[in-house]
Amino acid sequence: MIERISPPGVPTPRGPYSPAVRAGGFIYVAGQGPIDPATQQMSYGDIRHETRLVLSNIQKILEGCGATMADVVKCSVFLADGKDFAAMNEVYAEFFGEAKPARTTVEAKFANPQMKVEIDAIAYKPK
C-alpha cells in the first residue's frame, strides 16, 4: 500500500509532489529547502541556518508520519557550494548523533540560485 502524507505544520509543496510517501515500511521524504513553515516563505541565511531549517522540516515531516530522525536510513544532501560541506556537516551531526544514516552529498546547481542546501531522506518505520 502507498500512502501520500502531508502532515500539518510543514512546508506546503511548491509543486506536484507530496512531502512524504509511505510505501510498506519505508517513508520517503521529499527534498526540503530552507522554507519557514510558519510563513511558507524561503528563509535564506548562512549554510548553518539553512541546514538547521531543512533538517527541522524533515524532522517535523517524519514526526507527522510516526517516525523520528533515528529511523532515517539514507539522506541525500545537495549543496550549492561544496565549500559549505564542513559547516553543513556540523549541523547535520546535531540532528543525527549516533543514529548515522547512509548519506550522499553532492554539489548541485539549484533552480533557485539563493538556496544553499536541499536534503531528502528515507526512513524505515513499519506501522
PDB file of N, CA and C in Angstrom:
ATOM      1  N   MET A   1       0.834  -1.184   0.000  1.00  0.00           N
ATOM      2  CA  MET A   1       0.000   0.000   0.000  1.00  0.00           C
ATOM      3  C   MET A   1       0.880   1.250   0.000  1.00  0.00           C
ATOM      4  N   ILE A   2       0.497   2.240  -0.771  1.00  0.00           N
ATOM      5  CA  ILE A   2       1.216   3.507  -0.833  1.00  0.00           C
ATOM      6  C   ILE A   2       0.324   4.590  -0.244  1.00  0.00           C
ATOM      7  N   GLU A   3       0.909   5.370   0.668  1.00  0.00           N
ATOM      8  CA  GLU A   3       0.172   6.443   1.339  1.00  0.00           C
ATOM      9  C   GLU A   3       0.931   7.755   1.143  1.00  0.00           C
ATOM     10  N   ARG A   4       0.259   8.758   0.610  1.00  0.00           N
ATOM     11  CA  ARG A   4       0.863  10.085   0.444  1.00  0.00           C
ATOM     12  C   ARG A   4       0.498  10.916   1.661  1.00  0.00           C
ATOM     13  N   ILE A   5       1.518  11.514   2.300  1.00  0.00           N
ATOM     14  CA  ILE A   5       1.318  12.149   3.599  1.00  0.00           C
ATOM     15  C   ILE A   5       1.749  13.611   3.544  1.00  0.00           C
ATOM     16  N   SER A   6       0.874  14.474   4.046  1.00  0.00           N
ATOM     17  CA  SER A   6       1.174  15.899   4.168  1.00  0.00           C
ATOM     18  C   SER A   6       0.819  16.328   5.593  1.00  0.00           C
ATOM     19  N   PRO A   7       1.752  16.130   6.543  1.00  0.00           N
ATOM     20  CA  PRO A   7       1.455  16.448   7.935  1.00  0.00           C
ATOM     21  C   PRO A   7       1.200  17.944   8.136  1.00  0.00           C
ATOM     22  N   PRO A   8       0.401  18.296   9.129  1.00  0.00           N
ATOM     23  CA  PRO A   8       0.186  19.721   9.419  1.00  0.00           C
ATOM     24  C   PRO A   8       1.471  20.355   9.953  1.00  0.00           C
ATOM     25  N   GLY A   9       1.635  21.643   9.674  1.00  0.00           N
ATOM     26  CA  GLY A   9       2.769  22.394  10.214  1.00  0.00           C
ATOM     27  C   GLY A   9       4.071  22.238   9.464  1.00  0.00           C
ATOM     28  N   VAL A  10       4.022  21.649   8.266  1.00  0.00           N
ATOM     29  CA  VAL A  10       5.233  21.506   7.460  1.00  0.00           C
ATOM     30  C   VAL A  10       5.093  22.379   6.212  1.00  0.00           C
ATOM     31  N   PRO A  11       6.201  22.657   5.535  1.00  0.00           N
ATOM     32  CA  PRO A  11       6.097  23.478   4.329  1.00  0.00           C
ATOM     33  C   PRO A  11       5.155  22.874   3.294  1.00  0.00           C
ATOM     34  N   THR A  12       4.359  23.732   2.698  1.00  0.00           N
ATOM     35  CA  THR A  12       3.459  23.318   1.633  1.00  0.00           C
ATOM     36  C   THR A  12       4.276  23.061   0.374  1.00  0.00           C
ATOM     37  N   PRO A  13       4.050  21.935  -0.309  1.00  0.00           N
ATOM     38  CA  PRO A  13       4.805  21.661  -1.528  1.00  0.00           C
ATOM     39  C   PRO A  13       4.668  22.794  -2.545  1.00  0.00           C
ATOM     40  N   ARG A  14       5.766  23.065  -3.239  1.00  0.00           N
ATOM     41  CA  ARG A  14       5.812  24.112  -4.251  1.00  0.00           C
ATOM     42  C   ARG A  14       5.508  23.558  -5.652  1.00  0.00           C
ATOM     43  N   GLY A  15       5.147  22.292  -5.709  1.00  0.00           N
ATOM     44  CA  GLY A  15       4.890  21.662  -6.990  1.00  0.00           C
ATOM     45  C   GLY A  15       4.060  20.406  -6.803  1.00  0.00           C
ATOM     46  N   PRO A  16       3.961  19.602  -7.838  1.00  0.00           N
ATOM     47  CA  PRO A  16       3.130  18.402  -7.785  1.00  0.00           C
ATOM     48  C   PRO A  16       3.855  17.223  -7.114  1.00  0.00           C
ATOM     49  N   TYR A  17       4.041  17.321  -5.812  1.00  0.00           N
ATOM     50  CA  TYR A  17       4.667  16.237  -5.053  1.00  0.00           C
ATOM     51  C   TYR A  17       4.116  16.234  -3.632  1.00  0.00           C
ATOM     52  N   SER A  18       4.331  15.146  -2.939  1.00  0.00           N
ATOM     53  CA  SER A  18       3.916  15.002  -1.542  1.00  0.00           C
ATOM     54  C   SER A  18       5.122  15.214  -0.638  1.00  0.00           C
ATOM     55  N   PRO A  19       4.930  15.823   0.542  1.00  0.00           N
ATOM     56  CA  PRO A  19       6.055  15.960   1.473  1.00  0.00           C
ATOM     57  C   PRO A  19       6.650  14.601   1.851  1.00  0.00           C
ATOM     58  N   ALA A  20       5.777  13.585   1.979  1.00  0.00           N
ATOM     59  CA  ALA A  20       6.252  12.245   2.314  1.00  0.00           C
ATOM     60  C   ALA A  20       5.350  11.211   1.662  1.00  0.00           C
ATOM     61  N   VAL A  21       5.941  10.070   1.369  1.00  0.00           N
ATOM     62  CA  VAL A  21       5.200   8.930   0.837  1.00  0.00           C
ATOM     63  C   VAL A  21       5.635   7.696   1.629  1.00  0.00           C
ATOM     64  N   ARG A  22       4.647   6.994   2.189  1.00  0.00           N
ATOM     65  CA  ARG A  22       4.930   5.736   2.880  1.00  0.00           C
ATOM     66  C   ARG A  22       4.641   4.606   1.894  1.00  0.00           C
ATOM     67  N   ALA A  23       5.624   3.735   1.723  1.00  0.00           N
ATOM     68  CA  ALA A  23       5.479   2.554   0.882  1.00  0.00           C
ATOM     69  C   ALA A  23       5.974   1.382   1.714  1.00  0.00           C
ATOM     70  N   GLY A  24       5.047   0.534   2.162  1.00  0.00           N
ATOM     71  CA  GLY A  24       5.419  -0.542   3.067  1.00  0.00           C
ATOM     72  C   GLY A  24       5.964   0.056   4.348  1.00  0.00           C
ATOM     73  N   GLY A  25       7.136  -0.385   4.764  1.00  0.00           N
ATOM     74  CA  GLY A  25       7.748   0.131   5.988  1.00  0.00           C
ATOM     75  C   GLY A  25       8.644   1.329   5.779  1.00  0.00           C
ATOM     76  N   PHE A  26       8.727   1.817   4.535  1.00  0.00           N
ATOM     77  CA  PHE A  26       9.610   2.946   4.245  1.00  0.00           C
ATOM     78  C   PHE A  26       8.836   4.246   4.107  1.00  0.00           C
ATOM     79  N   ILE A  27       9.456   5.336   4.556  1.00  0.00           N
ATOM     80  CA  ILE A  27       8.917   6.687   4.414  1.00  0.00           C
ATOM     81  C   ILE A  27       9.929   7.477   3.595  1.00  0.00           C
ATOM     82  N   TYR A  28       9.497   7.977   2.461  1.00  0.00           N
ATOM     83  CA  TYR A  28      10.340   8.767   1.580  1.00  0.00           C
ATOM     84  C   TYR A  28       9.973  10.240   1.768  1.00  0.00           C
ATOM     85  N   VAL A  29      10.913  11.029   2.245  1.00  0.00           N
ATOM     86  CA  VAL A  29      10.675  12.454   2.468  1.00  0.00           C
ATOM     87  C   VAL A  29      11.240  13.219   1.274  1.00  0.00           C
ATOM     88  N   ALA A  30      10.379  14.028   0.652  1.00  0.00           N
ATOM     89  CA  ALA A  30      10.794  14.827  -0.498  1.00  0.00           C
ATOM     90  C   ALA A  30      11.901  15.797  -0.102  1.00  0.00           C
ATOM     91  N   GLY A  31      12.715  16.166  -1.069  1.00  0.00           N
ATOM     92  CA  GLY A  31      13.768  17.139  -0.822  1.00  0.00           C
ATOM     93  C   GLY A  31      13.201  18.406  -0.206  1.00  0.00           C
ATOM     94  N   GLN A  32      13.838  18.852   0.860  1.00  0.00           N
ATOM     95  CA  GLN A  32      13.392  20.041   1.581  1.00  0.00           C
ATOM     96  C   GLN A  32      14.411  21.156   1.418  1.00  0.00           C
ATOM     97  N   GLY A  33      13.903  22.330   1.099  1.00  0.00           N
ATOM     98  CA  GLY A  33      14.729  23.533   1.049  1.00  0.00           C
ATOM     99  C   GLY A  33      14.495  24.331   2.319  1.00  0.00           C
ATOM    100  N   PRO A  34      15.145  25.478   2.442  1.00  0.00           N
ATOM    101  CA  PRO A  34      15.044  26.292   3.661  1.00  0.00           C
ATOM    102  C   PRO A  34      13.743  27.106   3.709  1.00  0.00           C
ATOM    103  N   ILE A  35      12.637  26.410   3.896  1.00  0.00           N
ATOM    104  CA  ILE A  35      11.333  27.073   3.959  1.00  0.00           C
ATOM    105  C   ILE A  35      10.879  27.159   5.407  1.00  0.00           C
ATOM    106  N   ASP A  36      10.507  28.349   5.845  1.00  0.00           N
ATOM    107  CA  ASP A  36       9.970  28.541   7.187  1.00  0.00           C
ATOM    108  C   ASP A  36       8.517  28.092   7.156  1.00  0.00           C
ATOM    109  N   PRO A  37       8.160  27.025   7.885  1.00  0.00           N
ATOM    110  CA  PRO A  37       6.785  26.534   7.820  1.00  0.00           C
ATOM    111  C   PRO A  37       5.754  27.514   8.397  1.00  0.00           C
ATOM    112  N   ALA A  38       6.189  28.434   9.246  1.00  0.00           N
ATOM    113  CA  ALA A  38       5.262  29.415   9.824  1.00  0.00           C
ATOM    114  C   ALA A  38       4.809  30.440   8.796  1.00  0.00           C
ATOM    115  N   THR A  39       5.731  30.810   7.895  1.00  0.00           N
ATOM    116  CA  THR A  39       5.409  31.842   6.897  1.00  0.00           C
ATOM    117  C   THR A  39       5.231  31.251   5.500  1.00  0.00           C
ATOM    118  N   GLN A  40       5.674  30.007   5.308  1.00  0.00           N
ATOM    119  CA  GLN A  40       5.679  29.348   3.992  1.00  0.00           C
ATOM    120  C   GLN A  40       6.573  30.094   2.996  1.00  0.00           C
ATOM    121  N   GLN A  41       7.549  30.825   3.510  1.00  0.00           N
ATOM    122  CA  GLN A  41       8.489  31.568   2.668  1.00  0.00           C
ATOM    123  C   GLN A  41       9.886  30.999   2.836  1.00  0.00           C
ATOM    124  N   MET A  42      10.708  31.161   1.807  1.00  0.00           N
ATOM    125  CA  MET A  42      12.109  30.768   1.904  1.00  0.00           C
ATOM    126  C   MET A  42      12.783  31.618   2.973  1.00  0.00           C
ATOM    127  N   SER A  43      13.677  31.027   3.735  1.00  0.00           N
ATOM    128  CA  SER A  43      14.416  31.728   4.782  1.00  0.00           C
ATOM    129  C   SER A  43      15.901  31.533   4.499  1.00  0.00           C
ATOM    130  N   TYR A  44      16.462  32.461   3.748  1.00  0.00           N
ATOM    131  CA  TYR A  44      17.863  32.353   3.367  1.00  0.00           C
ATOM    132  C   TYR A  44      18.758  32.834   4.494  1.00  0.00           C
ATOM    133  N   GLY A  45      19.934  32.285   4.534  1.00  0.00           N
ATOM    134  CA  GLY A  45      20.923  32.682   5.534  1.00  0.00           C
ATOM    135  C   GLY A  45      22.202  31.926   5.236  1.00  0.00           C
ATOM    136  N   ASP A  46      23.060  31.821   6.247  1.00  0.00           N
ATOM    137  CA  ASP A  46      24.277  31.049   6.022  1.00  0.00           C
ATOM    138  C   ASP A  46      23.929  29.564   5.982  1.00  0.00           C
ATOM    139  N   ILE A  47      24.895  28.744   5.651  1.00  0.00           N
ATOM    140  CA  ILE A  47      24.627  27.319   5.468  1.00  0.00           C
ATOM    141  C   ILE A  47      24.146  26.664   6.755  1.00  0.00           C
ATOM    142  N   ARG A  48      24.613  27.121   7.900  1.00  0.00           N
ATOM    143  CA  ARG A  48      24.154  26.547   9.171  1.00  0.00           C
ATOM    144  C   ARG A  48      22.662  26.827   9.375  1.00  0.00           C
ATOM    145  N   HIS A  49      22.250  28.052   9.129  1.00  0.00           N
ATOM    146  CA  HIS A  49      20.833  28.423   9.275  1.00  0.00           C
ATOM    147  C   HIS A  49      19.973  27.577   8.339  1.00  0.00           C
ATOM    148  N   GLU A  50      20.359  27.511   7.077  1.00  0.00           N
ATOM    149  CA  GLU A  50      19.544  26.786   6.100  1.00  0.00           C
ATOM    150  C   GLU A  50      19.524  25.287   6.394  1.00  0.00           C
ATOM    151  N   THR A  51      20.657  24.717   6.772  1.00  0.00           N
ATOM    152  CA  THR A  51      20.698  23.287   7.097  1.00  0.00           C
ATOM    153  C   THR A  51      19.822  22.984   8.302  1.00  0.00           C
ATOM    154  N   ARG A  52      19.890  23.813   9.325  1.00  0.00           N
ATOM    155  CA  ARG A  52      19.073  23.612  10.533  1.00  0.00           C
ATOM    156  C   ARG A  52      17.583  23.657  10.185  1.00  0.00           C
ATOM    157  N   LEU A  53      17.184  24.599   9.347  1.00  0.00           N
ATOM    158  CA  LEU A  53      15.782  24.721   8.956  1.00  0.00           C
ATOM    159  C   LEU A  53      15.335  23.521   8.119  1.00  0.00           C
ATOM    160  N   VAL A  54      16.170  23.119   7.179  1.00  0.00           N
ATOM    161  CA  VAL A  54      15.855  21.962   6.329  1.00  0.00           C
ATOM    162  C   VAL A  54      15.685  20.705   7.182  1.00  0.00           C
ATOM    163  N   LEU A  55      16.624  20.447   8.076  1.00  0.00           N
ATOM    164  CA  LEU A  55      16.542  19.241   8.904  1.00  0.00           C
ATOM    165  C   LEU A  55      15.400  19.317   9.915  1.00  0.00           C
ATOM    166  N   SER A  56      15.083  20.506  10.394  1.00  0.00           N
ATOM    167  CA  SER A  56      13.910  20.664  11.274  1.00  0.00           C
ATOM    168  C   SER A  56      12.637  20.312  10.515  1.00  0.00           C
ATOM    169  N   ASN A  57      12.553  20.722   9.254  1.00  0.00           N
ATOM    170  CA  ASN A  57      11.383  20.390   8.441  1.00  0.00           C
ATOM    171  C   ASN A  57      11.294  18.889   8.195  1.00  0.00           C
ATOM    172  N   ILE A  58      12.428  18.265   7.921  1.00  0.00           N
ATOM    173  CA  ILE A  58      12.432  16.809   7.739  1.00  0.00           C
ATOM    174  C   ILE A  58      11.983  16.128   9.032  1.00  0.00           C
ATOM    175  N   GLN A  59      12.477  16.604  10.146  1.00  0.00           N
ATOM    176  CA  GLN A  59      12.100  16.044  11.450  1.00  0.00           C
ATOM    177  C   GLN A  59      10.594  16.154  11.687  1.00  0.00           C
ATOM    178  N   LYS A  60      10.012  17.309  11.372  1.00  0.00           N
ATOM    179  CA  LYS A  60       8.559  17.509  11.544  1.00  0.00           C
ATOM    180  C   LYS A  60       7.759  16.598  10.612  1.00  0.00           C
ATOM    181  N   ILE A  61       8.227  16.449   9.396  1.00  0.00           N
ATOM    182  CA  ILE A  61       7.534  15.565   8.452  1.00  0.00           C
ATOM    183  C   ILE A  61       7.568  14.129   8.977  1.00  0.00           C
ATOM    184  N   LEU A  62       8.734  13.688   9.426  1.00  0.00           N
ATOM    185  CA  LEU A  62       8.849  12.333   9.964  1.00  0.00           C
ATOM    186  C   LEU A  62       7.953  12.138  11.183  1.00  0.00           C
ATOM    187  N   GLU A  63       7.939  13.127  12.074  1.00  0.00           N
ATOM    188  CA  GLU A  63       7.072  13.030  13.254  1.00  0.00           C
ATOM    189  C   GLU A  63       5.613  12.896  12.841  1.00  0.00           C
ATOM    190  N   GLY A  64       5.226  13.619  11.791  1.00  0.00           N
ATOM    191  CA  GLY A  64       3.860  13.530  11.281  1.00  0.00           C
ATOM    192  C   GLY A  64       3.544  12.176  10.680  1.00  0.00           C
ATOM    193  N   CYS A  65       4.583  11.406  10.403  1.00  0.00           N
ATOM    194  CA  CYS A  65       4.422  10.046   9.862  1.00  0.00           C
ATOM    195  C   CYS A  65       4.643   8.986  10.934  1.00  0.00           C
ATOM    196  N   GLY A  66       4.866   9.424  12.179  1.00  0.00           N
ATOM    197  CA  GLY A  66       5.099   8.484  13.270  1.00  0.00           C
ATOM    198  C   GLY A  66       6.527   7.974  13.364  1.00  0.00           C
ATOM    199  N   ALA A  67       7.474   8.714  12.797  1.00  0.00           N
ATOM    200  CA  ALA A  67       8.876   8.294  12.798  1.00  0.00           C
ATOM    201  C   ALA A  67       9.745   9.384  13.427  1.00  0.00           C
ATOM    202  N   THR A  68      11.020   9.075  13.607  1.00  0.00           N
ATOM    203  CA  THR A  68      11.982  10.034  14.152  1.00  0.00           C
ATOM    204  C   THR A  68      13.225  10.055  13.264  1.00  0.00           C
ATOM    205  N   MET A  69      14.129  10.954  13.579  1.00  0.00           N
ATOM    206  CA  MET A  69      15.386  11.018  12.833  1.00  0.00           C
ATOM    207  C   MET A  69      16.195   9.729  13.009  1.00  0.00           C
ATOM    208  N   ALA A  70      16.015   9.030  14.117  1.00  0.00           N
ATOM    209  CA  ALA A  70      16.719   7.764  14.341  1.00  0.00           C
ATOM    210  C   ALA A  70      16.261   6.676  13.375  1.00  0.00           C
ATOM    211  N   ASP A  71      15.100   6.858  12.750  1.00  0.00           N
ATOM    212  CA  ASP A  71      14.581   5.890  11.781  1.00  0.00           C
ATOM    213  C   ASP A  71      15.111   6.130  10.372  1.00  0.00           C
ATOM    214  N   VAL A  72      15.842   7.218  10.157  1.00  0.00           N
ATOM    215  CA  VAL A  72      16.352   7.551   8.825  1.00  0.00           C
ATOM    216  C   VAL A  72      17.484   6.590   8.455  1.00  0.00           C
ATOM    217  N   VAL A  73      17.361   5.996   7.281  1.00  0.00           N
ATOM    218  CA  VAL A  73      18.385   5.057   6.813  1.00  0.00           C
ATOM    219  C   VAL A  73      19.259   5.660   5.709  1.00  0.00           C
ATOM    220  N   LYS A  74      18.774   6.721   5.046  1.00  0.00           N
ATOM    221  CA  LYS A  74      19.529   7.317   3.939  1.00  0.00           C
ATOM    222  C   LYS A  74      19.136   8.771   3.740  1.00  0.00           C
ATOM    223  N   CYS A  75      20.116   9.621   3.527  1.00  0.00           N
ATOM    224  CA  CYS A  75      19.880  11.022   3.161  1.00  0.00           C
ATOM    225  C   CYS A  75      20.693  11.348   1.913  1.00  0.00           C
ATOM    226  N   SER A  76      20.168  12.257   1.134  1.00  0.00           N
ATOM    227  CA  SER A  76      20.923  12.857   0.038  1.00  0.00           C
ATOM    228  C   SER A  76      20.984  14.348   0.326  1.00  0.00           C
ATOM    229  N   VAL A  77      22.196  14.881   0.318  1.00  0.00           N
ATOM    230  CA  VAL A  77      22.424  16.296   0.610  1.00  0.00           C
ATOM    231  C   VAL A  77      22.935  16.952  -0.666  1.00  0.00           C
ATOM    232  N   PHE A  78      22.305  18.049  -1.027  1.00  0.00           N
ATOM    233  CA  PHE A  78      22.692  18.808  -2.210  1.00  0.00           C
ATOM    234  C   PHE A  78      23.144  20.191  -1.753  1.00  0.00           C
ATOM    235  N   LEU A  79      24.364  20.559  -2.079  1.00  0.00           N
ATOM    236  CA  LEU A  79      24.934  21.849  -1.681  1.00  0.00           C
ATOM    237  C   LEU A  79      25.196  22.710  -2.910  1.00  0.00           C
ATOM    238  N   ALA A  80      24.859  23.984  -2.814  1.00  0.00           N
ATOM    239  CA  ALA A  80      25.162  24.906  -3.912  1.00  0.00           C
ATOM    240  C   ALA A  80      26.662  25.123  -4.022  1.00  0.00           C
ATOM    241  N   ASP A  81      27.374  25.040  -2.890  1.00  0.00           N
ATOM    242  CA  ASP A  81      28.818  25.266  -2.857  1.00  0.00           C
ATOM    243  C   ASP A  81      29.461  24.188  -1.987  1.00  0.00           C
ATOM    244  N   GLY A  82      30.285  23.365  -2.586  1.00  0.00           N
ATOM    245  CA  GLY A  82      30.958  22.289  -1.855  1.00  0.00           C
ATOM    246  C   GLY A  82      31.791  22.788  -0.692  1.00  0.00           C
ATOM    247  N   LYS A  83      32.188  24.051  -0.702  1.00  0.00           N
ATOM    248  CA  LYS A  83      32.962  24.616   0.404  1.00  0.00           C
ATOM    249  C   LYS A  83      32.137  24.707   1.688  1.00  0.00           C
ATOM    250  N   ASP A  84      30.815  24.579   1.572  1.00  0.00           N
ATOM    251  CA  ASP A  84      29.937  24.619   2.751  1.00  0.00           C
ATOM    252  C   ASP A  84      29.823  23.267   3.450  1.00  0.00           C
ATOM    253  N   PHE A  85      30.526  22.255   2.943  1.00  0.00           N
ATOM    254  CA  PHE A  85      30.361  20.899   3.480  1.00  0.00           C
ATOM    255  C   PHE A  85      30.611  20.828   4.989  1.00  0.00           C
ATOM    256  N   ALA A  86      31.732  21.354   5.463  1.00  0.00           N
ATOM    257  CA  ALA A  86      32.081  21.220   6.883  1.00  0.00           C
ATOM    258  C   ALA A  86      31.027  21.867   7.784  1.00  0.00           C
ATOM    259  N   ALA A  87      30.577  23.057   7.444  1.00  0.00           N
ATOM    260  CA  ALA A  87      29.576  23.747   8.273  1.00  0.00           C
ATOM    261  C   ALA A  87      28.238  23.012   8.229  1.00  0.00           C
ATOM    262  N   MET A  88      27.842  22.514   7.039  1.00  0.00           N
ATOM    263  CA  MET A  88      26.617  21.730   6.939  1.00  0.00           C
ATOM    264  C   MET A  88      26.744  20.481   7.793  1.00  0.00           C
ATOM    265  N   ASN A  89      27.883  19.840   7.731  1.00  0.00           N
ATOM    266  CA  ASN A  89      28.117  18.588   8.443  1.00  0.00           C
ATOM    267  C   ASN A  89      28.006  18.765   9.956  1.00  0.00           C
ATOM    268  N   GLU A  90      28.440  19.906  10.477  1.00  0.00           N
ATOM    269  CA  GLU A  90      28.331  20.184  11.917  1.00  0.00           C
ATOM    270  C   GLU A  90      26.870  20.175  12.352  1.00  0.00           C
ATOM    271  N   VAL A  91      26.021  20.873  11.604  1.00  0.00           N
ATOM    272  CA  VAL A  91      24.598  20.934  11.943  1.00  0.00           C
ATOM    273  C   VAL A  91      23.959  19.562  11.728  1.00  0.00           C
ATOM    274  N   TYR A  92      24.299  18.901  10.658  1.00  0.00           N
ATOM    275  CA  TYR A  92      23.771  17.570  10.346  1.00  0.00           C
ATOM    276  C   TYR A  92      24.034  16.620  11.518  1.00  0.00           C
ATOM    277  N   ALA A  93      25.240  16.662  12.062  1.00  0.00           N
ATOM    278  CA  ALA A  93      25.608  15.790  13.187  1.00  0.00           C
ATOM    279  C   ALA A  93      24.741  16.063  14.415  1.00  0.00           C
ATOM    280  N   GLU A  94      24.338  17.315  14.625  1.00  0.00           N
ATOM    281  CA  GLU A  94      23.463  17.657  15.763  1.00  0.00           C
ATOM    282  C   GLU A  94      22.130  16.913  15.671  1.00  0.00           C
ATOM    283  N   PHE A  95      21.626  16.731  14.465  1.00  0.00           N
ATOM    284  CA  PHE A  95      20.309  16.112  14.274  1.00  0.00           C
ATOM    285  C   PHE A  95      20.361  14.587  14.312  1.00  0.00           C
ATOM    286  N   PHE A  96      21.509  13.995  13.970  1.00  0.00           N
ATOM    287  CA  PHE A  96      21.565  12.541  13.877  1.00  0.00           C
ATOM    288  C   PHE A  96      22.367  11.878  14.988  1.00  0.00           C
ATOM    289  N   GLY A  97      23.295  12.585  15.617  1.00  0.00           N
ATOM    290  CA  GLY A  97      24.056  11.991  16.709  1.00  0.00           C
ATOM    291  C   GLY A  97      24.638  10.644  16.323  1.00  0.00           C
ATOM    292  N   GLU A  98      24.350   9.628  17.147  1.00  0.00           N
ATOM    293  CA  GLU A  98      24.874   8.284  16.899  1.00  0.00           C
ATOM    294  C   GLU A  98      24.064   7.512  15.855  1.00  0.00           C
ATOM    295  N   ALA A  99      22.857   7.975  15.549  1.00  0.00           N
ATOM    296  CA  ALA A  99      21.998   7.298  14.558  1.00  0.00           C
ATOM    297  C   ALA A  99      22.357   7.811  13.168  1.00  0.00           C
ATOM    298  N   LYS A 100      23.512   7.429  12.703  1.00  0.00           N
ATOM    299  CA  LYS A 100      24.023   7.962  11.439  1.00  0.00           C
ATOM    300  C   LYS A 100      23.466   7.181  10.244  1.00  0.00           C
ATOM    301  N   PRO A 101      22.653   7.832   9.415  1.00  0.00           N
ATOM    302  CA  PRO A 101      22.166   7.153   8.209  1.00  0.00           C
ATOM    303  C   PRO A 101      23.254   7.128   7.129  1.00  0.00           C
ATOM    304  N   ALA A 102      23.064   6.287   6.137  1.00  0.00           N
ATOM    305  CA  ALA A 102      23.910   6.355   4.944  1.00  0.00           C
ATOM    306  C   ALA A 102      23.648   7.728   4.301  1.00  0.00           C
ATOM    307  N   ARG A 103      24.639   8.242   3.578  1.00  0.00           N
ATOM    308  CA  ARG A 103      24.453   9.583   3.017  1.00  0.00           C
ATOM    309  C   ARG A 103      25.251   9.760   1.737  1.00  0.00           C
ATOM    310  N   THR A 104      24.673  10.545   0.840  1.00  0.00           N
ATOM    311  CA  THR A 104      25.357  11.024  -0.351  1.00  0.00           C
ATOM    312  C   THR A 104      25.329  12.539  -0.286  1.00  0.00           C
ATOM    313  N   THR A 105      26.445  13.177  -0.585  1.00  0.00           N
ATOM    314  CA  THR A 105      26.499  14.643  -0.628  1.00  0.00           C
ATOM    315  C   THR A 105      27.115  15.046  -1.957  1.00  0.00           C
ATOM    316  N   VAL A 106      26.404  15.924  -2.663  1.00  0.00           N
ATOM    317  CA  VAL A 106      26.894  16.399  -3.954  1.00  0.00           C
ATOM    318  C   VAL A 106      26.731  17.908  -4.060  1.00  0.00           C
ATOM    319  N   GLU A 107      27.556  18.508  -4.883  1.00  0.00           N
ATOM    320  CA  GLU A 107      27.391  19.916  -5.217  1.00  0.00           C
ATOM    321  C   GLU A 107      26.412  19.989  -6.379  1.00  0.00           C
ATOM    322  N   ALA A 108      25.460  20.905  -6.280  1.00  0.00           N
ATOM    323  CA  ALA A 108      24.403  20.983  -7.288  1.00  0.00           C
ATOM    324  C   ALA A 108      24.069  22.439  -7.601  1.00  0.00           C
ATOM    325  N   LYS A 109      23.557  22.644  -8.778  1.00  0.00           N
ATOM    326  CA  LYS A 109      23.052  23.962  -9.168  1.00  0.00           C
ATOM    327  C   LYS A 109      21.538  23.928  -8.973  1.00  0.00           C
ATOM    328  N   PHE A 110      21.017  24.833  -8.145  1.00  0.00           N
ATOM    329  CA  PHE A 110      19.590  24.870  -7.862  1.00  0.00           C
ATOM    330  C   PHE A 110      18.859  25.804  -8.822  1.00  0.00           C
ATOM    331  N   ALA A 111      17.589  25.501  -9.078  1.00  0.00           N
ATOM    332  CA  ALA A 111      16.746  26.388  -9.874  1.00  0.00           C
ATOM    333  C   ALA A 111      16.626  27.742  -9.187  1.00  0.00           C
ATOM    334  N   ASN A 112      16.625  27.728  -7.851  1.00  0.00           N
ATOM    335  CA  ASN A 112      16.599  28.955  -7.061  1.00  0.00           C
ATOM    336  C   ASN A 112      18.048  29.253  -6.654  1.00  0.00           C
ATOM    337  N   PRO A 113      18.700  30.230  -7.278  1.00  0.00           N
ATOM    338  CA  PRO A 113      20.122  30.466  -7.031  1.00  0.00           C
ATOM    339  C   PRO A 113      20.469  30.976  -5.627  1.00  0.00           C
ATOM    340  N   GLN A 114      19.480  31.409  -4.841  1.00  0.00           N
ATOM    341  CA  GLN A 114      19.759  31.876  -3.482  1.00  0.00           C
ATOM    342  C   GLN A 114      19.867  30.720  -2.484  1.00  0.00           C
ATOM    343  N   MET A 115      19.301  29.593  -2.834  1.00  0.00           N
ATOM    344  CA  MET A 115      19.265  28.437  -1.946  1.00  0.00           C
ATOM    345  C   MET A 115      20.646  27.808  -1.826  1.00  0.00           C
ATOM    346  N   LYS A 116      21.025  27.416  -0.600  1.00  0.00           N
ATOM    347  CA  LYS A 116      22.335  26.830  -0.368  1.00  0.00           C
ATOM    348  C   LYS A 116      22.304  25.320  -0.169  1.00  0.00           C
ATOM    349  N   VAL A 117      21.138  24.780   0.272  1.00  0.00           N
ATOM    350  CA  VAL A 117      21.096  23.356   0.595  1.00  0.00           C
ATOM    351  C   VAL A 117      19.690  22.783   0.390  1.00  0.00           C
ATOM    352  N   GLU A 118      19.636  21.531  -0.028  1.00  0.00           N
ATOM    353  CA  GLU A 118      18.405  20.756  -0.078  1.00  0.00           C
ATOM    354  C   GLU A 118      18.756  19.351   0.382  1.00  0.00           C
ATOM    355  N   ILE A 119      17.882  18.764   1.189  1.00  0.00           N
ATOM    356  CA  ILE A 119      18.125  17.411   1.709  1.00  0.00           C
ATOM    357  C   ILE A 119      16.846  16.598   1.584  1.00  0.00           C
ATOM    358  N   ASP A 120      16.983  15.345   1.156  1.00  0.00           N
ATOM    359  CA  ASP A 120      15.863  14.408   1.200  1.00  0.00           C
ATOM    360  C   ASP A 120      16.253  13.256   2.119  1.00  0.00           C
ATOM    361  N   ALA A 121      15.278  12.443   2.503  1.00  0.00           N
ATOM    362  CA  ALA A 121      15.549  11.370   3.451  1.00  0.00           C
ATOM    363  C   ALA A 121      14.652  10.168   3.182  1.00  0.00           C
ATOM    364  N   ILE A 122      15.156   9.010   3.555  1.00  0.00           N
ATOM    365  CA  ILE A 122      14.378   7.781   3.537  1.00  0.00           C
ATOM    366  C   ILE A 122      14.464   7.192   4.932  1.00  0.00           C
ATOM    367  N   ALA A 123      13.309   6.914   5.520  1.00  0.00           N
ATOM    368  CA  ALA A 123      13.259   6.312   6.856  1.00  0.00           C
ATOM    369  C   ALA A 123      12.585   4.947   6.772  1.00  0.00           C
ATOM    370  N   TYR A 124      12.914   4.101   7.731  1.00  0.00           N
ATOM    371  CA  TYR A 124      12.277   2.782   7.821  1.00  0.00           C
ATOM    372  C   TYR A 124      11.521   2.727   9.139  1.00  0.00           C
ATOM    373  N   LYS A 125      10.201   2.657   9.050  1.00  0.00           N
ATOM    374  CA  LYS A 125       9.361   2.631  10.246  1.00  0.00           C
ATOM    375  C   LYS A 125       8.085   1.865   9.903  1.00  0.00           C
ATOM    376  N   PRO A 126       8.095   0.535  10.030  1.00  0.00           N
ATOM    377  CA  PRO A 126       6.865  -0.228   9.763  1.00  0.00           C
ATOM    378  C   PRO A 126       5.759   0.216  10.700  1.00  0.00           C
ATOM    379  N   LYS A 127       4.534   0.183  10.191  1.00  0.00           N
ATOM    380  CA  LYS A 127       3.357   0.558  11.011  1.00  0.00           C
ATOM    381  C   LYS A 127       3.083  -0.510  12.039  1.00  0.00           C
TER     382      LYS A 127
END
